Amino acid sequence: MTDEITSNDHRVRRCPMLGHDLAFSYCRAPARPLPCRKIFDCWWEAFDVEAFIRAHYDEADIERILAPRPDKVASIVDLIQRARKSAEDQ
């Protein structure tokens, strides 16, 4: 394995969340600085994704990658509270 973070970006597979083929480059950086939380589940058969992630991210980042998503109700309540605060500030 090379040390470059882009060394596996050419790999392609079907994304179970989005429902179509995606390159590893998208999974590695899906519009945010950390990889998709499903990266280990999706890519373990293609190459040693765990070694790749451990080589390029520190333990704190890996914990954030693996952290469970907040439940939807909590996310909606948080969005409502932020919207209310934003409206009050204007």
C-alpha atoms as a PDB file:
ATOM      1  CA  MET A   1       0.000   0.000   0.000  1.00  0.00           C
ATOM      2  CA  THR A   2       1.319   3.432  -0.855  1.00  0.00           C
ATOM      3  CA  ASP A   3       1.262   6.224   1.668  1.00  0.00           C
ATOM      4  CA  GLU A   4      -0.739   8.573  -0.527  1.00  0.00           C
ATOM      5  CA  ILE A   5      -4.258   9.181   0.700  1.00  0.00           C
ATOM      6  CA  THR A   6      -5.507   9.112  -2.904  1.00  0.00           C
ATOM      7  CA  SER A   7      -3.992   5.693  -3.659  1.00  0.00           C
ATOM      8  CA  ASN A   8      -7.369   3.902  -3.600  1.00  0.00           C
ATOM      9  CA  ASP A   9      -9.537   6.656  -5.086  1.00  0.00           C
ATOM     10  CA  HIS A  10      -9.900   4.759  -8.380  1.00  0.00           C
ATOM     11  CA  ARG A  11     -11.792   1.868  -6.751  1.00  0.00           C
ATOM     12  CA  VAL A  12     -15.558   1.772  -7.410  1.00  0.00           C
ATOM     13  CA  ARG A  13     -18.415  -0.060  -5.709  1.00  0.00           C
ATOM     14  CA  ARG A  14     -22.140   0.272  -5.132  1.00  0.00           C
ATOM     15  CA  CYS A  15     -23.087   2.494  -2.215  1.00  0.00           C
ATOM     16  CA  PRO A  16     -25.809   0.881  -0.081  1.00  0.00           C
ATOM     17  CA  MET A  17     -26.919   4.268   1.282  1.00  0.00           C
ATOM     18  CA  LEU A  18     -27.124   6.170  -2.028  1.00  0.00           C
ATOM     19  CA  GLY A  19     -27.972   3.222  -4.263  1.00  0.00           C
ATOM     20  CA  HIS A  20     -25.468   3.712  -7.079  1.00  0.00           C
ATOM     21  CA  ASP A  21     -21.798   3.198  -7.887  1.00  0.00           C
ATOM     22  CA  LEU A  22     -19.291   5.526  -6.241  1.00  0.00           C
ATOM     23  CA  ALA A  23     -15.543   5.845  -6.259  1.00  0.00           C
ATOM     24  CA  PHE A  24     -13.635   5.395  -3.021  1.00  0.00           C
ATOM     25  CA  SER A  25     -12.652   9.065  -3.295  1.00  0.00           C
ATOM     26  CA  TYR A  26     -16.262  10.019  -2.521  1.00  0.00           C
ATOM     27  CA  CYS A  27     -16.427   7.688   0.484  1.00  0.00           C
ATOM     28  CA  ARG A  28     -13.130   9.044   1.751  1.00  0.00           C
ATOM     29  CA  ALA A  29     -14.312  12.663   1.611  1.00  0.00           C
ATOM     30  CA  PRO A  30     -18.093  12.971   1.155  1.00  0.00           C
ATOM     31  CA  ALA A  31     -18.409  16.782   1.365  1.00  0.00           C
ATOM     32  CA  ARG A  32     -16.819  16.761   4.811  1.00  0.00           C
ATOM     33  CA  PRO A  33     -13.314  16.278   6.151  1.00  0.00           C
ATOM     34  CA  LEU A  34     -13.883  12.753   7.502  1.00  0.00           C
ATOM     35  CA  PRO A  35     -14.788   9.590   5.590  1.00  0.00           C
ATOM     36  CA  CYS A  36     -18.277   8.137   5.483  1.00  0.00           C
ATOM     37  CA  ARG A  37     -19.214   6.270   8.647  1.00  0.00           C
ATOM     38  CA  LYS A  38     -19.877   3.132   6.590  1.00  0.00           C
ATOM     39  CA  ILE A  39     -16.420   3.073   4.973  1.00  0.00           C
ATOM     40  CA  PHE A  40     -15.277  -0.002   6.929  1.00  0.00           C
ATOM     41  CA  ASP A  41     -18.466  -1.952   6.136  1.00  0.00           C
ATOM     42  CA  CYS A  42     -18.382  -1.164   2.446  1.00  0.00           C
ATOM     43  CA  TRP A  43     -14.715  -1.526   1.527  1.00  0.00           C
ATOM     44  CA  TRP A  44     -13.312  -4.341   3.694  1.00  0.00           C
ATOM     45  CA  GLU A  45     -13.598  -6.899   0.881  1.00  0.00           C
ATOM     46  CA  ALA A  46     -11.834  -4.727  -1.706  1.00  0.00           C
ATOM     47  CA  PHE A  47      -8.686  -3.876   0.277  1.00  0.00           C
ATOM     48  CA  ASP A  48      -7.439  -3.407   3.837  1.00  0.00           C
ATOM     49  CA  VAL A  49      -9.489  -0.285   4.487  1.00  0.00           C
ATOM     50  CA  GLU A  50      -8.833  -0.424   8.227  1.00  0.00           C
ATOM     51  CA  ALA A  51      -5.067  -0.186   7.691  1.00  0.00           C
ATOM     52  CA  PHE A  52      -5.641   2.610   5.183  1.00  0.00           C
ATOM     53  CA  ILE A  53      -7.777   4.621   7.633  1.00  0.00           C
ATOM     54  CA  ARG A  54      -5.353   4.023  10.512  1.00  0.00           C
ATOM     55  CA  ALA A  55      -2.469   5.226   8.327  1.00  0.00           C
ATOM     56  CA  HIS A  56      -4.203   8.482   7.389  1.00  0.00           C
ATOM     57  CA  TYR A  57      -6.351   9.457  10.388  1.00  0.00           C
ATOM     58  CA  ASP A  58      -5.631   9.736  14.099  1.00  0.00           C
ATOM     59  CA  GLU A  59      -7.561   7.901  16.815  1.00  0.00           C
ATOM     60  CA  ALA A  60      -9.828  10.881  17.554  1.00  0.00           C
ATOM     61  CA  ASP A  61     -10.860  11.068  13.894  1.00  0.00           C
ATOM     62  CA  ILE A  62     -11.478   7.317  13.771  1.00  0.00           C
ATOM     63  CA  GLU A  63     -13.697   7.573  16.850  1.00  0.00           C
ATOM     64  CA  ARG A  64     -15.685  10.355  15.137  1.00  0.00           C
ATOM     65  CA  ILE A  65     -15.980   8.246  11.966  1.00  0.00           C
ATOM     66  CA  LEU A  66     -17.333   5.312  13.969  1.00  0.00           C
ATOM     67  CA  ALA A  67     -19.570   7.351  16.291  1.00  0.00           C
ATOM     68  CA  PRO A  68     -23.259   6.534  15.922  1.00  0.00           C
ATOM     69  CA  ARG A  69     -25.373   9.117  14.198  1.00  0.00           C
ATOM     70  CA  PRO A  70     -27.708  11.100  16.438  1.00  0.00           C
ATOM     71  CA  ASP A  71     -31.243   9.849  16.144  1.00  0.00           C
ATOM     72  CA  LYS A  72     -33.496  11.673  13.703  1.00  0.00           C
ATOM     73  CA  VAL A  73     -35.802  13.192  16.320  1.00  0.00           C
ATOM     74  CA  ALA A  74     -32.845  14.686  18.193  1.00  0.00           C
ATOM     75  CA  SER A  75     -31.488  16.087  14.912  1.00  0.00           C
ATOM     76  CA  ILE A  76     -34.841  17.646  14.020  1.00  0.00           C
ATOM     77  CA  VAL A  77     -35.225  19.191  17.482  1.00  0.00           C
ATOM     78  CA  ASP A  78     -31.692  20.592  17.224  1.00  0.00           C
ATOM     79  CA  LEU A  79     -32.454  22.099  13.793  1.00  0.00           C
ATOM     80  CA  ILE A  80     -35.654  23.690  15.114  1.00  0.00           C
ATOM     81  CA  GLN A  81     -33.814  25.178  18.099  1.00  0.00           C
ATOM     82  CA  ARG A  82     -31.099  26.619  15.847  1.00  0.00           C
ATOM     83  CA  ALA A  83     -33.717  28.084  13.496  1.00  0.00           C
ATOM     84  CA  ARG A  84     -35.564  29.708  16.408  1.00  0.00           C
ATOM     85  CA  LYS A  85     -32.335  31.165  17.793  1.00  0.00           C
ATOM     86  CA  SER A  86     -31.392  32.452  14.362  1.00  0.00           C
ATOM     87  CA  ALA A  87     -34.824  34.092  13.971  1.00  0.00           C
ATOM     88  CA  GLU A  88     -34.540  35.693  17.415  1.00  0.00           C
ATOM     89  CA  ASP A  89     -31.092  37.065  16.603  1.00  0.00           C
ATOM     90  CA  GLN A  90     -32.349  38.856  13.494  1.00  0.00           C
END
